[in-house]
C-alpha atoms as a PDB file:
ATOM      1  CA  MET A   1      27.776 -10.754  -1.099  1.00  0.00           C
ATOM      2  CA  ASN A   2      25.405 -11.798  -3.889  1.00  0.00           C
ATOM      3  CA  ILE A   3      21.851 -12.060  -2.565  1.00  0.00           C
ATOM      4  CA  TRP A   4      18.723 -13.159  -4.401  1.00  0.00           C
ATOM      5  CA  VAL A   5      15.187 -12.352  -3.306  1.00  0.00           C
ATOM      6  CA  PHE A   6      12.205 -14.317  -4.561  1.00  0.00           C
ATOM      7  CA  ALA A   7       9.967 -11.416  -5.592  1.00  0.00           C
ATOM      8  CA  GLN A   8       6.188 -11.428  -5.882  1.00  0.00           C
ATOM      9  CA  GLU A   9       3.715  -9.004  -7.438  1.00  0.00           C
ATOM     10  CA  ALA A  10       0.231  -7.903  -6.422  1.00  0.00           C
ATOM     11  CA  ASN A  11      -1.928  -5.363  -8.245  1.00  0.00           C
ATOM     12  CA  GLY A  12       0.944  -4.236 -10.449  1.00  0.00           C
ATOM     13  CA  ALA A  13       3.428  -3.597  -7.624  1.00  0.00           C
ATOM     14  CA  PRO A  14       5.917  -5.607  -5.579  1.00  0.00           C
ATOM     15  CA  THR A  15       4.317  -7.111  -2.482  1.00  0.00           C
ATOM     16  CA  SER A  16       5.144  -5.579   0.882  1.00  0.00           C
ATOM     17  CA  ALA A  17       6.937  -8.798   1.878  1.00  0.00           C
ATOM     18  CA  THR A  18       9.122  -8.537  -1.235  1.00  0.00           C
ATOM     19  CA  LEU A  19      10.132  -4.951  -0.500  1.00  0.00           C
ATOM     20  CA  GLU A  20      10.918  -5.826   3.124  1.00  0.00           C
ATOM     21  CA  LEU A  21      13.301  -8.566   1.976  1.00  0.00           C
ATOM     22  CA  VAL A  22      14.916  -6.365  -0.683  1.00  0.00           C
ATOM     23  CA  ALA A  23      15.478  -3.563   1.842  1.00  0.00           C
ATOM     24  CA  LYS A  24      17.200  -5.967   4.228  1.00  0.00           C
ATOM     25  CA  ALA A  25      19.175  -7.709   1.486  1.00  0.00           C
ATOM     26  CA  ARG A  26      20.712  -4.448   0.276  1.00  0.00           C
ATOM     27  CA  THR A  27      22.311  -3.959   3.718  1.00  0.00           C
ATOM     28  CA  LEU A  28      24.168  -7.237   3.202  1.00  0.00           C
ATOM     29  CA  GLY A  29      25.303  -6.972  -0.404  1.00  0.00           C
ATOM     30  CA  THR A  30      24.174  -6.753  -4.025  1.00  0.00           C
ATOM     31  CA  VAL A  31      20.495  -7.570  -4.559  1.00  0.00           C
ATOM     32  CA  THR A  32      19.016  -9.576  -7.423  1.00  0.00           C
ATOM     33  CA  ALA A  33      15.294 -10.267  -7.578  1.00  0.00           C
ATOM     34  CA  PHE A  34      13.892 -13.426  -9.144  1.00  0.00           C
ATOM     35  CA  VAL A  35      10.378 -13.117 -10.567  1.00  0.00           C
ATOM     36  CA  GLY A  36       8.078 -15.886 -11.719  1.00  0.00           C
ATOM     37  CA  GLY A  37       6.308 -14.103 -14.570  1.00  0.00           C
ATOM     38  CA  ASP A  38       6.662 -10.771 -16.342  1.00  0.00           C
ATOM     39  CA  ALA A  39       8.634  -8.227 -14.315  1.00  0.00           C
ATOM     40  CA  ALA A  40       7.699  -5.146 -16.362  1.00  0.00           C
ATOM     41  CA  ALA A  41       5.162  -3.839 -13.843  1.00  0.00           C
ATOM     42  CA  ILE A  42       7.400  -4.153 -10.793  1.00  0.00           C
ATOM     43  CA  VAL A  43      10.952  -3.598 -12.034  1.00  0.00           C
ATOM     44  CA  GLY A  44      10.764   0.110 -11.196  1.00  0.00           C
ATOM     45  CA  GLY A  45       9.579  -0.563  -7.651  1.00  0.00           C
ATOM     46  CA  LEU A  46      12.225  -3.223  -7.111  1.00  0.00           C
ATOM     47  CA  GLY A  47      14.946  -0.860  -8.285  1.00  0.00           C
ATOM     48  CA  GLU A  48      13.698   1.931  -6.025  1.00  0.00           C
ATOM     49  CA  TYR A  49      14.230  -0.324  -3.007  1.00  0.00           C
ATOM     50  CA  GLY A  50      17.727  -1.431  -3.947  1.00  0.00           C
ATOM     51  CA  THR A  51      17.527  -4.198  -6.560  1.00  0.00           C
ATOM     52  CA  SER A  52      20.207  -3.966  -9.253  1.00  0.00           C
ATOM     53  CA  LYS A  53      19.123  -6.911 -11.435  1.00  0.00           C
ATOM     54  CA  VAL A  54      15.912  -8.839 -11.987  1.00  0.00           C
ATOM     55  CA  TYR A  55      15.675 -12.352 -13.389  1.00  0.00           C
ATOM     56  CA  ALA A  56      12.229 -12.917 -14.889  1.00  0.00           C
ATOM     57  CA  THR A  57      10.815 -16.130 -16.309  1.00  0.00           C
ATOM     58  CA  GLY A  58       8.181 -14.397 -18.414  1.00  0.00           C
ATOM     59  CA  ASP A  59       4.617 -15.701 -18.662  1.00  0.00           C
ATOM     60  CA  LEU A  60       4.431 -19.125 -17.018  1.00  0.00           C
ATOM     61  CA  GLY A  61       1.522 -20.209 -19.193  1.00  0.00           C
ATOM     62  CA  GLY A  62      -0.498 -21.522 -16.267  1.00  0.00           C
ATOM     63  CA  LYS A  63       2.309 -23.666 -14.841  1.00  0.00           C
ATOM     64  CA  LEU A  64       2.560 -24.043 -11.068  1.00  0.00           C
ATOM     65  CA  PRO A  65       4.846 -21.199  -9.927  1.00  0.00           C
ATOM     66  CA  GLY A  66       6.762 -23.348  -7.462  1.00  0.00           C
ATOM     67  CA  VAL A  67       7.684 -25.915 -10.100  1.00  0.00           C
ATOM     68  CA  ALA A  68       8.635 -23.434 -12.803  1.00  0.00           C
ATOM     69  CA  VAL A  69      10.497 -20.875 -10.680  1.00  0.00           C
ATOM     70  CA  ALA A  70      12.570 -23.443  -8.785  1.00  0.00           C
ATOM     71  CA  ALA A  71      13.627 -25.024 -12.085  1.00  0.00           C
ATOM     72  CA  ALA A  72      14.499 -21.621 -13.585  1.00  0.00           C
ATOM     73  CA  MET A  73      16.540 -20.698 -10.497  1.00  0.00           C
ATOM     74  CA  LYS A  74      18.459 -23.966 -10.734  1.00  0.00           C
ATOM     75  CA  ALA A  75      19.170 -23.346 -14.421  1.00  0.00           C
ATOM     76  CA  VAL A  76      20.589 -19.858 -13.740  1.00  0.00           C
ATOM     77  CA  ILE A  77      22.768 -21.220 -10.924  1.00  0.00           C
ATOM     78  CA  ASP A  78      24.018 -24.022 -13.162  1.00  0.00           C
ATOM     79  CA  GLY A  79      24.830 -21.321 -15.718  1.00  0.00           C
ATOM     80  CA  GLY A  80      27.353 -19.756 -13.345  1.00  0.00           C
ATOM     81  CA  ASP A  81      25.493 -17.107 -11.328  1.00  0.00           C
ATOM     82  CA  THR A  82      25.560 -18.602  -7.843  1.00  0.00           C
ATOM     83  CA  PRO A  83      24.111 -16.454  -5.044  1.00  0.00           C
ATOM     84  CA  ASP A  84      25.442 -16.607  -1.511  1.00  0.00           C
ATOM     85  CA  LEU A  85      21.946 -16.372  -0.029  1.00  0.00           C
ATOM     86  CA  ILE A  86      18.417 -16.665  -1.400  1.00  0.00           C
ATOM     87  CA  MET A  87      15.700 -15.013   0.694  1.00  0.00           C
ATOM     88  CA  PHE A  88      12.081 -16.139   0.449  1.00  0.00           C
ATOM     89  CA  PRO A  89       8.895 -14.752   2.002  1.00  0.00           C
ATOM     90  CA  GLN A  90       7.349 -17.084   4.578  1.00  0.00           C
ATOM     91  CA  ASN A  91       4.181 -17.695   2.569  1.00  0.00           C
ATOM     92  CA  TYR A  92       2.700 -20.528   0.512  1.00  0.00           C
ATOM     93  CA  GLU A  93       4.423 -19.712  -2.777  1.00  0.00           C
ATOM     94  CA  GLY A  94       7.711 -18.787  -1.153  1.00  0.00           C
ATOM     95  CA  ARG A  95       7.851 -22.056   0.759  1.00  0.00           C
ATOM     96  CA  ASP A  96       6.913 -24.032  -2.350  1.00  0.00           C
ATOM     97  CA  VAL A  97       9.694 -22.554  -4.474  1.00  0.00           C
ATOM     98  CA  MET A  98      12.225 -22.884  -1.650  1.00  0.00           C
ATOM     99  CA  ALA A  99      11.362 -26.520  -0.921  1.00  0.00           C
ATOM    100  CA  ARG A 100      11.667 -27.555  -4.558  1.00  0.00           C
ATOM    101  CA  LEU A 101      14.929 -25.645  -4.992  1.00  0.00           C
ATOM    102  CA  SER A 102      16.265 -27.219  -1.805  1.00  0.00           C
ATOM    103  CA  VAL A 103      15.843 -30.670  -3.347  1.00  0.00           C
ATOM    104  CA  LYS A 104      17.357 -29.614  -6.678  1.00  0.00           C
ATOM    105  CA  LEU A 105      20.427 -28.083  -5.006  1.00  0.00           C
ATOM    106  CA  ASP A 106      20.656 -30.587  -2.131  1.00  0.00           C
ATOM    107  CA  ARG A 107      20.727 -27.729   0.376  1.00  0.00           C
ATOM    108  CA  THR A 108      19.085 -27.417   3.755  1.00  0.00           C
ATOM    109  CA  VAL A 109      16.687 -24.561   4.542  1.00  0.00           C
ATOM    110  CA  LEU A 110      15.963 -22.367   7.552  1.00  0.00           C
ATOM    111  CA  THR A 111      12.384 -21.170   7.851  1.00  0.00           C
ATOM    112  CA  ASN A 112      10.248 -18.845   9.960  1.00  0.00           C
ATOM    113  CA  SER A 113      13.201 -16.476  10.428  1.00  0.00           C
ATOM    114  CA  ILE A 114      13.050 -12.857  11.599  1.00  0.00           C
ATOM    115  CA  ASP A 115      16.611 -11.639  11.013  1.00  0.00           C
ATOM    116  CA  VAL A 116      19.764 -12.401   9.031  1.00  0.00           C
ATOM    117  CA  THR A 117      23.390 -11.334   9.404  1.00  0.00           C
ATOM    118  CA  ALA A 118      26.549 -11.899   7.406  1.00  0.00           C
ATOM    119  CA  ASP A 119      30.158 -11.920   8.576  1.00  0.00           C
ATOM    120  CA  GLY A 120      32.339 -12.439   5.549  1.00  0.00           C
ATOM    121  CA  ASP A 121      31.072 -15.658   3.939  1.00  0.00           C
ATOM    122  CA  ALA A 122      29.294 -16.769   7.134  1.00  0.00           C
ATOM    123  CA  VAL A 123      25.520 -16.294   7.082  1.00  0.00           C
ATOM    124  CA  SER A 124      23.341 -16.639  10.195  1.00  0.00           C
ATOM    125  CA  VAL A 125      19.607 -16.292  10.687  1.00  0.00           C
ATOM    126  CA  THR A 126      17.554 -15.730  13.822  1.00  0.00           C
ATOM    127  CA  THR A 127      14.410 -17.760  14.488  1.00  0.00           C
ATOM    128  CA  PRO A 128      11.914 -17.440  17.352  1.00  0.00           C
ATOM    129  CA  ILE A 129      10.967 -20.682  19.133  1.00  0.00           C
ATOM    130  CA  PHE A 130       8.700 -21.640  22.041  1.00  0.00           C
ATOM    131  CA  GLY A 131       6.065 -19.148  20.930  1.00  0.00           C
ATOM    132  CA  GLY A 132       8.603 -16.372  20.502  1.00  0.00           C
ATOM    133  CA  ASN A 133       9.931 -16.585  24.055  1.00  0.00           C
ATOM    134  CA  THR A 134      13.399 -17.672  22.887  1.00  0.00           C
ATOM    135  CA  LEU A 135      15.443 -16.561  19.886  1.00  0.00           C
ATOM    136  CA  VAL A 136      17.862 -18.990  18.255  1.00  0.00           C
ATOM    137  CA  THR A 137      20.644 -17.888  15.915  1.00  0.00           C
ATOM    138  CA  THR A 138      21.772 -20.542  13.445  1.00  0.00           C
ATOM    139  CA  GLN A 139      24.742 -20.330  11.096  1.00  0.00           C
ATOM    140  CA  PHE A 140      24.627 -22.100   7.753  1.00  0.00           C
ATOM    141  CA  ALA A 141      27.259 -24.765   7.150  1.00  0.00           C
ATOM    142  CA  GLY A 142      28.451 -26.138   3.829  1.00  0.00           C
ATOM    143  CA  SER A 143      28.592 -24.337   0.531  1.00  0.00           C
ATOM    144  CA  ALA A 144      26.316 -21.619  -0.831  1.00  0.00           C
ATOM    145  CA  PRO A 145      23.678 -20.854  -1.865  1.00  0.00           C
ATOM    146  CA  TYR A 146      21.932 -20.737   1.500  1.00  0.00           C
ATOM    147  CA  LEU A 147      18.122 -20.785   1.533  1.00  0.00           C
ATOM    148  CA  ALA A 148      16.077 -18.983   4.177  1.00  0.00           C
ATOM    149  CA  ALA A 149      12.457 -17.873   4.572  1.00  0.00           C
ATOM    150  CA  PHE A 150      11.418 -14.852   6.638  1.00  0.00           C
ATOM    151  CA  ARG A 151       8.236 -13.863   8.403  1.00  0.00           C
ATOM    152  CA  PRO A 152       6.408 -10.799   7.098  1.00  0.00           C
ATOM    153  CA  LYS A 153       7.115  -7.548   8.964  1.00  0.00           C
ATOM    154  CA  SER A 154      10.544  -8.786  10.046  1.00  0.00           C
ATOM    155  CA  PHE A 155      12.206  -5.872   8.240  1.00  0.00           C
ATOM    156  CA  VAL A 156      11.266  -2.281   7.444  1.00  0.00           C
ATOM    157  CA  ALA A 157      10.657  -1.617   3.752  1.00  0.00           C
ATOM    158  CA  GLU A 158      12.448   1.674   3.100  1.00  0.00           C
ATOM    159  CA  PRO A 159      13.292   2.847  -0.435  1.00  0.00           C
ATOM    160  CA  SER A 160      16.903   3.519  -1.348  1.00  0.00           C
ATOM    161  CA  GLY A 161      16.179   5.879  -4.224  1.00  0.00           C
ATOM    162  CA  GLY A 162      17.631   3.571  -6.867  1.00  0.00           C
ATOM    163  CA  GLY A 163      16.628   3.490 -10.512  1.00  0.00           C
ATOM    164  CA  ALA A 164      14.965   0.743 -12.531  1.00  0.00           C
ATOM    165  CA  ALA A 165      16.830  -2.566 -12.337  1.00  0.00           C
ATOM    166  CA  GLU A 166      18.267  -4.478 -15.289  1.00  0.00           C
ATOM    167  CA  VAL A 167      15.931  -7.247 -16.446  1.00  0.00           C
ATOM    168  CA  VAL A 168      17.446 -10.573 -17.542  1.00  0.00           C
ATOM    169  CA  ALA A 169      15.399 -13.423 -19.013  1.00  0.00           C
ATOM    170  CA  ALA A 170      15.482 -16.661 -17.008  1.00  0.00           C
ATOM    171  CA  ALA A 171      14.244 -19.479 -19.190  1.00  0.00           C
ATOM    172  CA  VAL A 172      12.165 -22.240 -17.622  1.00  0.00           C
ATOM    173  CA  PRO A 173      13.683 -25.616 -18.632  1.00  0.00           C
ATOM    174  CA  ASP A 174      11.692 -28.714 -19.512  1.00  0.00           C
ATOM    175  CA  LEU A 175       9.745 -29.637 -16.387  1.00  0.00           C
ATOM    176  CA  GLY A 176       8.813 -33.168 -17.362  1.00  0.00           C
ATOM    177  CA  ALA A 177       5.740 -34.634 -15.698  1.00  0.00           C
ATOM    178  CA  THR A 178       5.636 -31.940 -13.016  1.00  0.00           C
ATOM    179  CA  GLY A 179       5.158 -29.325 -15.703  1.00  0.00           C
ATOM    180  CA  THR A 180       1.855 -30.767 -16.851  1.00  0.00           C
ATOM    181  CA  ALA A 181      -0.089 -29.455 -13.843  1.00  0.00           C
ATOM    182  CA  GLN A 182      -1.971 -26.255 -14.636  1.00  0.00           C
ATOM    183  CA  VAL A 183      -3.486 -23.479 -12.557  1.00  0.00           C
ATOM    184  CA  THR A 184      -7.096 -23.410 -13.745  1.00  0.00           C
ATOM    185  CA  ALA A 185      -8.497 -20.690 -11.472  1.00  0.00           C
ATOM    186  CA  VAL A 186      -7.345 -18.200  -8.866  1.00  0.00           C
ATOM    187  CA  HIS A 187      -9.710 -17.069  -6.135  1.00  0.00           C
ATOM    188  CA  VAL A 188      -9.002 -13.747  -4.432  1.00  0.00           C
ATOM    189  CA  GLU A 189     -10.799 -13.127  -1.165  1.00  0.00           C
ATOM    190  CA  GLU A 190     -12.891  -9.977  -1.248  1.00  0.00           C
ATOM    191  CA  HIS A 191     -12.298  -7.381   1.411  1.00  0.00           C
ATOM    192  CA  SER A 192     -13.011  -3.730   2.033  1.00  0.00           C
ATOM    193  CA  GLY A 193     -10.576  -1.360   3.666  1.00  0.00           C
ATOM    194  CA  PRO A 194      -6.874  -2.020   4.230  1.00  0.00           C
ATOM    195  CA  LYS A 195      -5.396  -5.507   4.321  1.00  0.00           C
ATOM    196  CA  LEU A 196      -4.904  -6.935   7.789  1.00  0.00           C
ATOM    197  CA  ASP A 197      -1.123  -7.273   7.520  1.00  0.00           C
ATOM    198  CA  GLU A 198      -0.727  -3.797   5.996  1.00  0.00           C
ATOM    199  CA  ALA A 199      -3.188  -1.757   8.061  1.00  0.00           C
ATOM    200  CA  ALA A 200      -2.017   1.134  10.246  1.00  0.00           C
ATOM    201  CA  ILE A 201      -4.766   0.307  12.753  1.00  0.00           C
ATOM    202  CA  VAL A 202      -5.972  -3.196  13.648  1.00  0.00           C
ATOM    203  CA  VAL A 203      -8.906  -4.052  15.912  1.00  0.00           C
ATOM    204  CA  SER A 204      -8.977  -7.719  16.939  1.00  0.00           C
ATOM    205  CA  GLY A 205     -11.613  -9.663  18.813  1.00  0.00           C
ATOM    206  CA  GLY A 206     -11.276 -12.732  20.991  1.00  0.00           C
ATOM    207  CA  ARG A 207     -13.265 -15.240  22.965  1.00  0.00           C
ATOM    208  CA  GLY A 208     -14.179 -12.549  25.483  1.00  0.00           C
ATOM    209  CA  LEU A 209     -16.761 -11.290  22.989  1.00  0.00           C
ATOM    210  CA  GLY A 210     -18.911 -14.217  24.095  1.00  0.00           C
ATOM    211  CA  GLU A 211     -20.569 -15.105  20.778  1.00  0.00           C
ATOM    212  CA  ALA A 212     -20.065 -14.771  17.035  1.00  0.00           C
ATOM    213  CA  ALA A 213     -22.737 -12.085  16.632  1.00  0.00           C
ATOM    214  CA  LYS A 214     -20.766  -9.733  18.888  1.00  0.00           C
ATOM    215  CA  TYR A 215     -17.846  -9.669  16.461  1.00  0.00           C
ATOM    216  CA  GLU A 216     -19.831  -7.119  14.464  1.00  0.00           C
ATOM    217  CA  MET A 217     -18.791  -4.385  16.894  1.00  0.00           C
ATOM    218  CA  VAL A 218     -15.121  -5.186  16.221  1.00  0.00           C
ATOM    219  CA  GLU A 219     -15.702  -4.725  12.490  1.00  0.00           C
ATOM    220  CA  THR A 220     -17.640  -1.513  13.104  1.00  0.00           C
ATOM    221  CA  LEU A 221     -14.894  -0.051  15.276  1.00  0.00           C
ATOM    222  CA  ALA A 222     -12.231  -1.029  12.736  1.00  0.00           C
ATOM    223  CA  LYS A 223     -14.180   0.604   9.920  1.00  0.00           C
ATOM    224  CA  LEU A 224     -14.658   3.842  11.859  1.00  0.00           C
ATOM    225  CA  LEU A 225     -10.910   3.963  12.523  1.00  0.00           C
ATOM    226  CA  LYS A 226     -10.140   3.151   8.864  1.00  0.00           C
ATOM    227  CA  GLY A 227      -8.396   0.021  10.083  1.00  0.00           C
ATOM    228  CA  ALA A 228      -8.678  -3.726   9.572  1.00  0.00           C
ATOM    229  CA  PRO A 229     -10.485  -6.284  11.754  1.00  0.00           C
ATOM    230  CA  GLY A 230      -8.513  -9.210  13.154  1.00  0.00           C
ATOM    231  CA  ALA A 231      -9.140 -12.142  15.460  1.00  0.00           C
ATOM    232  CA  SER A 232      -7.565 -14.540  17.909  1.00  0.00           C
ATOM    233  CA  ARG A 233      -7.127 -18.189  17.013  1.00  0.00           C
ATOM    234  CA  ALA A 234      -9.844 -19.187  19.488  1.00  0.00           C
ATOM    235  CA  ILE A 235     -12.672 -17.535  17.560  1.00  0.00           C
ATOM    236  CA  VAL A 236     -11.251 -18.596  14.206  1.00  0.00           C
ATOM    237  CA  ASP A 237     -11.240 -22.211  15.380  1.00  0.00           C
ATOM    238  CA  ALA A 238     -14.778 -21.705  16.679  1.00  0.00           C
ATOM    239  CA  GLY A 239     -15.872 -20.660  13.190  1.00  0.00           C
ATOM    240  CA  TRP A 240     -16.869 -17.114  14.093  1.00  0.00           C
ATOM    241  CA  VAL A 241     -14.616 -15.519  11.453  1.00  0.00           C
ATOM    242  CA  PRO A 242     -12.503 -16.778   8.518  1.00  0.00           C
ATOM    243  CA  TYR A 243      -8.912 -17.932   8.972  1.00  0.00           C
ATOM    244  CA  SER A 244      -7.726 -14.891   6.996  1.00  0.00           C
ATOM    245  CA  TYR A 245      -8.637 -12.756  10.039  1.00  0.00           C
ATOM    246  CA  GLN A 246      -6.320 -14.629  12.405  1.00  0.00           C
ATOM    247  CA  VAL A 247      -3.448 -12.783  14.044  1.00  0.00           C
ATOM    248  CA  GLY A 248      -0.774 -14.901  15.675  1.00  0.00           C
ATOM    249  CA  GLN A 249       1.939 -17.461  15.263  1.00  0.00           C
ATOM    250  CA  THR A 250      -0.194 -19.578  12.932  1.00  0.00           C
ATOM    251  CA  GLY A 251      -1.956 -16.592  11.377  1.00  0.00           C
ATOM    252  CA  LYS A 252      -0.785 -13.192  10.192  1.00  0.00           C
ATOM    253  CA  VAL A 253       1.959 -11.126  11.765  1.00  0.00           C
ATOM    254  CA  VAL A 254       0.956  -7.461  12.047  1.00  0.00           C
ATOM    255  CA  LYS A 255       2.886  -4.339  13.070  1.00  0.00           C
ATOM    256  CA  PRO A 256       0.352  -1.502  12.960  1.00  0.00           C
ATOM    257  CA  ASN A 257       0.675   1.891  14.600  1.00  0.00           C
ATOM    258  CA  VAL A 258      -2.244   0.958  16.859  1.00  0.00           C
ATOM    259  CA  TYR A 259      -3.445  -2.517  17.830  1.00  0.00           C
ATOM    260  CA  ILE A 260      -6.678  -2.792  19.815  1.00  0.00           C
ATOM    261  CA  ALA A 261      -7.278  -6.181  21.462  1.00  0.00           C
ATOM    262  CA  VAL A 262     -10.916  -6.663  22.432  1.00  0.00           C
ATOM    263  CA  GLY A 263     -11.697  -9.579  24.730  1.00  0.00           C
ATOM    264  CA  ILE A 264      -8.344 -11.228  24.031  1.00  0.00           C
ATOM    265  CA  SER A 265      -6.578 -12.710  27.041  1.00  0.00           C
ATOM    266  CA  GLY A 266      -3.150 -12.698  25.410  1.00  0.00           C
ATOM    267  CA  ALA A 267      -2.038 -16.260  24.777  1.00  0.00           C
ATOM    268  CA  THR A 268       1.590 -16.483  23.639  1.00  0.00           C
ATOM    269  CA  GLN A 269       0.453 -17.746  20.222  1.00  0.00           C
ATOM    270  CA  HIS A 270      -1.490 -14.525  19.668  1.00  0.00           C
ATOM    271  CA  MET A 271       1.053 -12.105  21.095  1.00  0.00           C
ATOM    272  CA  VAL A 272       3.763 -13.396  18.762  1.00  0.00           C
ATOM    273  CA  GLY A 273       1.704 -11.994  15.892  1.00  0.00           C
ATOM    274  CA  MET A 274       1.068  -8.487  17.253  1.00  0.00           C
ATOM    275  CA  LYS A 275       3.548  -7.532  19.954  1.00  0.00           C
ATOM    276  CA  GLY A 276       5.533  -5.517  17.411  1.00  0.00           C
ATOM    277  CA  ALA A 277       2.725  -2.945  17.164  1.00  0.00           C
ATOM    278  CA  LYS A 278       3.814   0.588  18.090  1.00  0.00           C
ATOM    279  CA  ASN A 279       0.873   1.104  20.460  1.00  0.00           C
ATOM    280  CA  ILE A 280      -1.186  -1.687  22.017  1.00  0.00           C
ATOM    281  CA  ILE A 281      -4.580  -1.056  23.631  1.00  0.00           C
ATOM    282  CA  ALA A 282      -6.176  -3.916  25.550  1.00  0.00           C
ATOM    283  CA  ILE A 283      -9.807  -4.147  26.616  1.00  0.00           C
ATOM    284  CA  ASN A 284     -10.539  -7.057  28.958  1.00  0.00           C
ATOM    285  CA  LYS A 285     -12.593  -7.530  32.106  1.00  0.00           C
ATOM    286  CA  ASP A 286      -9.913  -9.787  33.630  1.00  0.00           C
ATOM    287  CA  LYS A 287      -7.294  -7.498  35.156  1.00  0.00           C
ATOM    288  CA  GLU A 288      -4.865 -10.452  35.321  1.00  0.00           C
ATOM    289  CA  ALA A 289      -5.059 -11.135  31.569  1.00  0.00           C
ATOM    290  CA  PRO A 290      -1.529 -11.540  30.102  1.00  0.00           C
ATOM    291  CA  ILE A 291      -2.338  -9.035  27.333  1.00  0.00           C
ATOM    292  CA  PHE A 292      -2.015  -6.217  29.873  1.00  0.00           C
ATOM    293  CA  GLY A 293       1.637  -7.166  30.332  1.00  0.00           C
ATOM    294  CA  ILE A 294       2.512  -5.800  26.866  1.00  0.00           C
ATOM    295  CA  ALA A 295      -0.246  -3.177  26.512  1.00  0.00           C
ATOM    296  CA  ASP A 296       0.587   0.528  26.399  1.00  0.00           C
ATOM    297  CA  LEU A 297      -2.959   1.295  27.515  1.00  0.00           C
ATOM    298  CA  GLY A 298      -5.183  -1.141  29.369  1.00  0.00           C
ATOM    299  CA  ILE A 299      -8.899  -0.832  29.971  1.00  0.00           C
ATOM    300  CA  VAL A 300     -10.206  -3.226  32.594  1.00  0.00           C
ATOM    301  CA  GLY A 301     -13.870  -3.496  31.720  1.00  0.00           C
ATOM    302  CA  ASP A 302     -16.586  -5.350  29.869  1.00  0.00           C
ATOM    303  CA  ALA A 303     -15.946  -5.114  26.131  1.00  0.00           C
ATOM    304  CA  HIS A 304     -19.710  -5.095  25.548  1.00  0.00           C
ATOM    305  CA  LYS A 305     -19.896  -1.785  27.407  1.00  0.00           C
ATOM    306  CA  VAL A 306     -16.551  -0.203  26.464  1.00  0.00           C
ATOM    307  CA  VAL A 307     -16.564  -0.808  22.701  1.00  0.00           C
ATOM    308  CA  PRO A 308     -20.109   0.515  22.068  1.00  0.00           C
ATOM    309  CA  LYS A 309     -19.093   3.710  23.904  1.00  0.00           C
ATOM    310  CA  LEU A 310     -16.025   4.039  21.667  1.00  0.00           C
ATOM    311  CA  ILE A 311     -18.182   3.501  18.587  1.00  0.00           C
ATOM    312  CA  GLU A 312     -20.695   6.072  19.816  1.00  0.00           C
ATOM    313  CA  ALA A 313     -17.940   8.627  20.441  1.00  0.00           C
ATOM    314  CA  LEU A 314     -16.425   8.114  16.988  1.00  0.00           C
ATOM    315  CA  GLN A 315     -19.798   8.333  15.250  1.00  0.00           C
ATOM    316  CA  SER A 316     -20.598  11.618  16.991  1.00  0.00           C
ATOM    317  CA  ARG A 317     -17.422  13.294  15.691  1.00  0.00           C
END
């Protein structure tokens, strides 16, 4: 089976989401990565995880990635290299490229997926619905290529020990009026410590903190543990912390070694984003809070008393 992965780069390396998709794709067939830009910095990393060939558009000259990459993909397919499946990360750029390619190819898409299987030419993906309480498996109908987007952390990114992949130029055709739009500036949010969706330890705060000022102890605890601070949707919507801190169905999906939920009751929307953590520690004064149903360790107590004691213990080490 010929599988393409829309690959992205960050800080001179393939993104974690890219490597997760490549690692899964290699279990299904031959993997080709498609890069919007210069692939020189990431071709080695892509090959190490199982990619045999990389299509690269080269410098996009400020063009919108979604417009340019979708057009380049269509041109390669029209040239005779038709993949059976194209896998995209479930993020802004991945969805943009996929949507535009869907129109160009007149193919349907399946989004928000967490697994994919292949049986001969039949390709099926699994998607959680109803807040993750039910899993639906859907098989593509019609002719390939099939287009699917996958949530981060759906697959484990394990290297295969492969060498550098072959790089093939993928020219961007004339884009017409859509090609006139230009990216004039890129703003990268500043942060210290590990990224939320890549951290080994995550400490998240919820409405049980009582007020925005109390979130400081969540950040302090996360820093002492060399982890990342997170948040429930409730306090993001309340304006206590930025949206980039949100863990949940409409935020980031995390799978750390340790997840500490402070003052979070455990709404389904939140648990969808963190229940894959290896160890879950819940701190909540309500012993009936749903979060205790999935916690490995539960502390029934006032977060304003428990967390300062944890901080004090860590600082005294």
